Amino acid sequence: MNSAISGLETCKSGLQKEFRVQDARPFLITFSGIDGAGKSTQIERLTAYLEEQGLHVLKLIFWDDVAVWPNLRAGVGGRAADFWNAVHANADAAGGDRFIPRNHKHIRNWYLTAARMCLYFLDAVRLQWVLANPRIRNADVVIFDRYLYDQIANVDSRWILPQIYKRFLLKLAPQPDLALILDASPAAAFARKPEYPLDFVNRNRADFLRLRDLDPRLIAIPEGSVDHVSSEILTHIHQSRLSTIALPERTTEDNAGKYRSPATESL
């Protein structure tokens, strides 16, 4: 019995080494979508599941681990948030939707669009540097909470130049092995996280779904219960090349979307 167990462990270790040798980088999974879509919950569940399979999983947050000059950008966002808070101070009395903006992404003036385009280009360049970090390259799987998709969804694409820019940025950025957009009802998402005006959340959702025209590899996960969404994600995981190398066959428990409590690692 002990020799059989030892043989299984050796086989599993060999598969993990094979996984690393076949790829110069870890298996890259990205989660994108509007605020309140449930990305954090699903990332935690998936991380816990993959770690149970013996994989070394690293979770990165795009804003914290990749974005260039986050403190400066947060400062600008804070000033914009103060402005919007003042403008909407009487939203309840006017019968409008009350929200507390985290940054200025819902403000789409031409000069802010130009500034974003410059910053997002720098983000794409830095993303390549981040993924070359030895600590990240030694992981089996890297899961991104937001990715460059979430950045370019904020670029107003009513004109031809931003559309060309988006295509260029997607070619410049490292391509994920599995890129997921968690879809959600804007009203439900706003109820969970009232950080931006509801009309912006509606437009933002449409912007995310249109990204599939630029990158057909993007997979939109329909809105559903937490377990249903988990099951949909796991289906795509097991249809990827990650499953052929390092994952066991799905069980009834997996099909029900049952993950254990999360334990994530952050860079």
Protein backbone atom coordinates (compact mmCIF):
# COMPACT_ATOMS: atom_id res chain seq x y z
CA MET A 1 0.00 0.00 0.00
CA ASN A 2 2.75 2.43 0.95
CA SER A 3 4.63 1.72 -2.26
CA ALA A 4 1.47 2.35 -4.28
CA ILE A 5 0.90 5.69 -2.55
CA SER A 6 4.54 6.60 -3.09
CA GLY A 7 4.18 5.73 -6.76
CA LEU A 8 1.13 7.96 -7.12
CA GLU A 9 2.93 10.86 -5.46
CA THR A 10 5.90 10.38 -7.78
CA CYS A 11 3.58 10.33 -10.79
CA LYS A 12 1.81 13.49 -9.65
CA SER A 13 5.13 15.26 -9.07
CA GLY A 14 6.25 14.22 -12.53
CA LEU A 15 3.11 15.63 -14.10
CA GLN A 16 3.64 18.95 -12.35
CA LYS A 17 7.25 19.09 -13.55
CA GLU A 18 6.09 18.25 -17.06
CA PHE A 19 3.57 21.07 -16.82
CA ARG A 20 6.31 23.55 -15.95
CA VAL A 21 8.71 22.29 -18.63
CA GLN A 22 6.14 22.47 -21.42
CA ASP A 23 5.40 26.14 -20.73
CA ALA A 24 7.78 29.05 -20.21
CA ARG A 25 5.19 30.62 -17.92
CA PRO A 26 2.46 29.37 -15.58
CA PHE A 27 -1.09 28.66 -16.73
CA LEU A 28 -2.67 32.11 -16.74
CA ILE A 29 -6.34 32.61 -15.75
CA THR A 30 -7.96 36.05 -15.71
CA PHE A 31 -11.22 37.23 -14.18
CA SER A 32 -12.87 40.38 -15.52
CA GLY A 33 -16.27 42.03 -15.29
CA ILE A 34 -18.24 44.85 -13.76
CA ASP A 35 -17.93 45.71 -10.08
CA GLY A 36 -20.15 43.45 -8.00
CA ALA A 37 -20.14 40.54 -10.47
CA GLY A 38 -18.64 38.16 -7.89
CA LYS A 39 -15.06 37.90 -9.18
CA SER A 40 -13.40 37.76 -5.76
CA THR A 41 -15.65 34.95 -4.55
CA GLN A 42 -15.03 32.82 -7.63
CA ILE A 43 -11.28 33.47 -7.58
CA GLU A 44 -11.09 32.30 -3.98
CA ARG A 45 -13.09 29.16 -4.74
CA LEU A 46 -11.05 28.27 -7.81
CA THR A 47 -7.77 28.91 -6.00
CA ALA A 48 -8.78 26.57 -3.18
CA TYR A 49 -9.83 23.85 -5.66
CA LEU A 50 -6.58 23.99 -7.65
CA GLU A 51 -4.49 23.96 -4.49
CA GLU A 52 -6.34 20.82 -3.40
CA GLN A 53 -5.06 19.21 -6.59
CA GLY A 54 -1.49 19.93 -5.48
CA LEU A 55 -0.88 22.90 -7.77
CA HIS A 56 1.03 25.99 -6.68
CA VAL A 57 -1.43 28.83 -7.29
CA LEU A 58 -0.55 32.51 -7.12
CA LYS A 59 -3.23 35.19 -7.03
CA LEU A 60 -2.42 38.65 -8.39
CA ILE A 61 -4.53 41.79 -8.24
CA PHE A 62 -4.01 43.89 -11.35
CA TRP A 63 -4.29 47.23 -9.60
CA ASP A 64 -1.91 46.30 -6.77
CA ASP A 65 0.62 44.12 -8.62
CA VAL A 66 0.71 45.52 -12.16
CA ALA A 67 -0.76 49.03 -12.52
CA VAL A 68 1.82 51.80 -12.96
CA TRP A 69 1.79 54.64 -10.39
CA PRO A 70 -1.24 53.34 -8.48
CA ASN A 71 -0.92 55.92 -5.69
CA LEU A 72 -0.92 58.82 -8.15
CA ARG A 73 -3.88 57.37 -9.99
CA ALA A 74 -5.71 56.75 -6.73
CA GLY A 75 -5.14 60.38 -5.79
CA VAL A 76 -6.70 61.58 -9.01
CA GLY A 77 -9.53 59.13 -8.43
CA GLY A 78 -10.00 60.49 -4.92
CA ARG A 79 -10.42 64.04 -6.19
CA ALA A 80 -12.89 62.85 -8.81
CA ALA A 81 -14.75 60.88 -6.12
CA ASP A 82 -15.02 64.02 -3.97
CA PHE A 83 -16.50 65.87 -6.92
CA TRP A 84 -19.07 63.17 -7.61
CA ASN A 85 -19.96 62.87 -3.93
CA ALA A 86 -20.66 66.60 -3.84
CA VAL A 87 -22.71 66.52 -7.03
CA HIS A 88 -24.81 63.60 -5.81
CA ALA A 89 -25.09 64.57 -2.15
CA ASN A 90 -28.83 64.99 -2.55
CA ALA A 91 -29.37 61.93 -4.75
CA ASP A 92 -31.69 60.30 -2.24
CA ALA A 93 -33.87 63.40 -2.01
CA ALA A 94 -34.01 63.60 -5.81
CA GLY A 95 -35.03 59.96 -6.05
CA GLY A 96 -31.78 58.95 -7.75
CA ASP A 97 -29.44 56.05 -7.05
CA ARG A 98 -26.90 56.83 -4.35
CA PHE A 99 -23.36 55.65 -5.04
CA ILE A 100 -19.88 56.09 -3.61
CA PRO A 101 -17.31 56.09 -6.47
CA ARG A 102 -13.94 54.46 -5.83
CA ASN A 103 -12.20 56.27 -8.69
CA HIS A 104 -12.92 58.29 -11.81
CA LYS A 105 -13.41 55.58 -14.44
CA HIS A 106 -17.06 56.56 -14.94
CA ILE A 107 -15.96 60.05 -16.03
CA ARG A 108 -15.09 59.87 -19.74
CA ASN A 109 -13.83 63.26 -20.86
CA TRP A 110 -11.50 63.31 -23.86
CA TYR A 111 -8.45 64.29 -21.80
CA LEU A 112 -9.08 61.52 -19.28
CA THR A 113 -9.42 59.04 -22.15
CA ALA A 114 -6.05 60.24 -23.52
CA ALA A 115 -4.41 59.89 -20.09
CA ARG A 116 -5.87 56.42 -19.63
CA MET A 117 -4.56 55.30 -23.00
CA CYS A 118 -1.02 56.32 -22.00
CA LEU A 119 -1.26 54.68 -18.58
CA TYR A 120 -2.78 51.47 -19.91
CA PHE A 121 0.07 51.17 -22.42
CA LEU A 122 2.53 51.38 -19.53
CA ASP A 123 0.45 48.81 -17.64
CA ALA A 124 0.70 46.41 -20.59
CA VAL A 125 4.48 46.83 -20.73
CA ARG A 126 4.84 46.32 -16.99
CA LEU A 127 2.58 43.26 -17.16
CA GLN A 128 5.22 41.49 -19.25
CA TRP A 129 7.87 42.36 -16.67
CA VAL A 130 5.68 41.13 -13.79
CA LEU A 131 5.04 37.78 -15.47
CA ALA A 132 8.80 37.36 -15.96
CA ASN A 133 9.34 37.53 -12.19
CA PRO A 134 10.98 34.23 -11.08
CA ARG A 135 8.51 33.82 -8.22
CA ILE A 136 5.62 33.99 -10.65
CA ARG A 137 7.28 31.78 -13.27
CA ASN A 138 7.76 29.09 -10.62
CA ALA A 139 4.02 28.89 -9.95
CA ASP A 140 1.84 26.33 -11.71
CA VAL A 141 -1.14 28.64 -12.09
CA VAL A 142 -1.50 32.42 -11.86
CA ILE A 143 -4.98 33.86 -11.34
CA PHE A 144 -5.53 37.54 -12.03
CA ASP A 145 -8.23 39.54 -10.26
CA ARG A 146 -8.90 41.86 -13.22
CA TYR A 147 -6.62 42.11 -16.22
CA LEU A 148 -5.88 44.46 -19.08
CA TYR A 149 -9.40 43.74 -20.37
CA ASP A 150 -10.79 45.70 -17.41
CA GLN A 151 -8.56 48.64 -18.32
CA ILE A 152 -9.49 48.91 -21.98
CA ALA A 153 -13.17 48.47 -21.16
CA ASN A 154 -12.84 51.93 -19.60
CA VAL A 155 -11.67 53.50 -22.86
CA ASP A 156 -14.45 55.25 -24.76
CA SER A 157 -14.43 53.53 -28.16
CA ARG A 158 -16.93 55.67 -30.07
CA TRP A 159 -14.07 56.82 -32.31
CA ILE A 160 -11.82 54.77 -34.57
CA LEU A 161 -8.52 55.64 -32.80
CA PRO A 162 -9.50 54.07 -29.45
CA GLN A 163 -10.68 50.95 -31.30
CA ILE A 164 -7.30 50.61 -33.02
CA TYR A 165 -5.60 51.28 -29.68
CA LYS A 166 -7.53 48.49 -27.97
CA ARG A 167 -6.49 45.96 -30.62
CA PHE A 168 -2.87 47.09 -30.34
CA LEU A 169 -2.90 46.76 -26.54
CA LEU A 170 -4.36 43.26 -26.68
CA LYS A 171 -1.57 42.20 -29.05
CA LEU A 172 1.05 43.74 -26.77
CA ALA A 173 -0.18 42.09 -23.56
CA PRO A 174 0.57 38.44 -22.67
CA GLN A 175 -2.39 36.31 -23.72
CA PRO A 176 -4.15 34.40 -20.90
CA ASP A 177 -4.69 30.67 -21.23
CA LEU A 178 -8.22 31.16 -19.91
CA ALA A 179 -9.83 34.63 -19.92
CA LEU A 180 -13.18 34.85 -18.14
CA ILE A 181 -15.74 37.65 -17.99
CA LEU A 182 -18.25 37.20 -15.19
CA ASP A 183 -21.53 38.60 -16.43
CA ALA A 184 -24.08 40.03 -14.01
CA SER A 185 -27.24 42.06 -13.94
CA PRO A 186 -26.19 45.72 -13.54
CA ALA A 187 -28.99 46.28 -11.02
CA ALA A 188 -27.91 43.31 -8.90
CA ALA A 189 -24.23 44.29 -9.14
CA PHE A 190 -25.06 47.87 -8.16
CA ALA A 191 -27.03 46.61 -5.16
CA ARG A 192 -23.97 44.65 -3.98
CA LYS A 193 -21.40 47.38 -4.71
CA PRO A 194 -22.93 50.85 -5.24
CA GLU A 195 -19.66 52.43 -6.33
CA TYR A 196 -20.69 53.95 -9.66
CA PRO A 197 -23.93 55.34 -11.13
CA LEU A 198 -26.25 52.65 -12.44
CA ASP A 199 -26.29 54.04 -15.97
CA PHE A 200 -22.50 53.71 -16.05
CA VAL A 201 -22.70 50.12 -14.77
CA ASN A 202 -25.07 49.33 -17.66
CA ARG A 203 -22.69 50.88 -20.20
CA ASN A 204 -19.70 49.20 -18.59
CA ARG A 205 -21.32 45.77 -18.84
CA ALA A 206 -21.96 46.35 -22.55
CA ASP A 207 -18.31 47.43 -22.98
CA PHE A 208 -17.11 44.21 -21.38
CA LEU A 209 -19.30 42.03 -23.58
CA ARG A 210 -18.12 43.89 -26.70
CA LEU A 211 -14.54 42.98 -25.84
CA ARG A 212 -15.29 39.53 -27.26
CA ASP A 213 -15.40 41.16 -30.71
CA LEU A 214 -11.74 42.13 -30.17
CA ASP A 215 -10.68 38.85 -28.56
CA PRO A 216 -12.92 35.85 -29.35
CA ARG A 217 -11.05 33.79 -26.75
CA LEU A 218 -12.80 35.71 -23.99
CA ILE A 219 -15.40 33.52 -22.28
CA ALA A 220 -18.50 35.16 -20.79
CA ILE A 221 -19.84 33.25 -17.77
CA PRO A 222 -23.62 33.86 -17.45
CA GLU A 223 -25.06 35.20 -14.22
CA GLY A 224 -26.27 32.57 -11.76
CA SER A 225 -25.96 31.31 -8.21
CA VAL A 226 -22.48 31.14 -6.70
CA ASP A 227 -22.40 27.34 -7.09
CA HIS A 228 -23.70 27.46 -10.68
CA VAL A 229 -21.06 30.00 -11.73
CA SER A 230 -18.38 27.91 -9.99
CA SER A 231 -19.50 24.86 -11.95
CA GLU A 232 -19.39 26.79 -15.24
CA ILE A 233 -15.86 27.96 -14.49
CA LEU A 234 -14.74 24.46 -13.56
CA THR A 235 -16.16 23.15 -16.83
CA HIS A 236 -13.89 25.49 -18.78
CA ILE A 237 -10.94 24.61 -16.55
CA HIS A 238 -11.40 20.93 -17.33
CA GLN A 239 -11.72 21.66 -21.05
CA SER A 240 -8.37 23.47 -21.06
CA ARG A 241 -4.91 21.97 -21.46
CA LEU A 242 -4.43 22.35 -17.71
CA SER A 243 -6.80 19.43 -17.21
CA THR A 244 -4.89 17.15 -19.58
CA ILE A 245 -1.70 17.64 -17.60
CA ALA A 246 -2.43 18.24 -13.94
CA LEU A 247 -6.08 17.77 -12.98
CA PRO A 248 -8.11 14.65 -12.14
CA GLU A 249 -11.44 13.82 -13.76
CA ARG A 250 -14.39 15.81 -12.47
CA THR A 251 -16.51 14.33 -9.72
CA THR A 252 -20.17 14.78 -8.85
CA GLU A 253 -19.07 17.17 -6.12
CA ASP A 254 -17.13 19.24 -8.67
CA ASN A 255 -20.12 19.34 -11.00
CA ALA A 256 -22.17 20.87 -8.21
CA GLY A 257 -19.62 23.64 -7.97
CA LYS A 258 -18.60 22.73 -4.43
CA TYR A 259 -15.26 24.26 -3.47
CA ARG A 260 -13.83 24.31 -0.01
CA SER A 261 -13.12 27.53 1.85
CA PRO A 262 -10.44 29.60 0.09
CA ALA A 263 -6.81 30.07 1.04
CA THR A 264 -5.19 32.42 -1.45
CA GLU A 265 -1.65 33.67 -1.82
CA SER A 266 -0.94 37.21 -2.92
CA LEU A 267 2.22 38.62 -4.38
